[in-house]
């Protein structure tokens, strides 16, 4: 065998061996860390959920008792996770991942908890790109504006009140930033309307199910 061919084969074998070793190392690393990563992700989700859902409202595992919902016209995204809280076996609340698609600088992601009686238990912003010093007052760490939804429901205020004050509603806007609070108020209102219309179906579905709703708020319900 020619020396050049022998060297080529040797180099190829070494490369293959290096690839095999790398694959084994990656597989080993994944096996050692994936459970730890999954546990950390679960803990982060629990901490977020606990901010909007009081502990005395449930005795189940809302993260395990969750469904996927495809209702973009209501919840603002193609697929949203809805965690279901139960107390003594009875439905007590829904915690919905919601997107306000019409923020000033882009979509605003929210977590909205709604009690079985239709009242808001809590709303928090989980991600946004709004202007620092103006639109970021939707964050609970910067102002108490987001807490104004707690305890409110459809009819409290009446539907025309589910707007910012500049549009004739009850919720204040920020100085120099109207689009941001307008988007959040509309998203929370749509979430309450979705729960009022489809909440029973969401509560009754099997854990892990995917539900699709193709309807949308009627024109008179829009902000």
Foldseek 3Di string as FASTA:
>chain_A
DDPVVVVVVVVVVVVVVVVVVVVVVVVVVCVVPVVVVVVVVLVVVVVVVCVQDPPVQADDRQVQQKEWEQDCQQQPDRIKIKGFGDHPRHTFKIWIWGWLQFAPVGIWIKIWIATPVLATSFMATDDDDDDPPFLVCSHVVNHCLRVVRGGAGDVNPDLQQLAAVVSPHDRHHTVVGRRNVRSVSQNNLSNSVCCVVCVVVRNPDGRHYYYYDHDHDDPVNGD
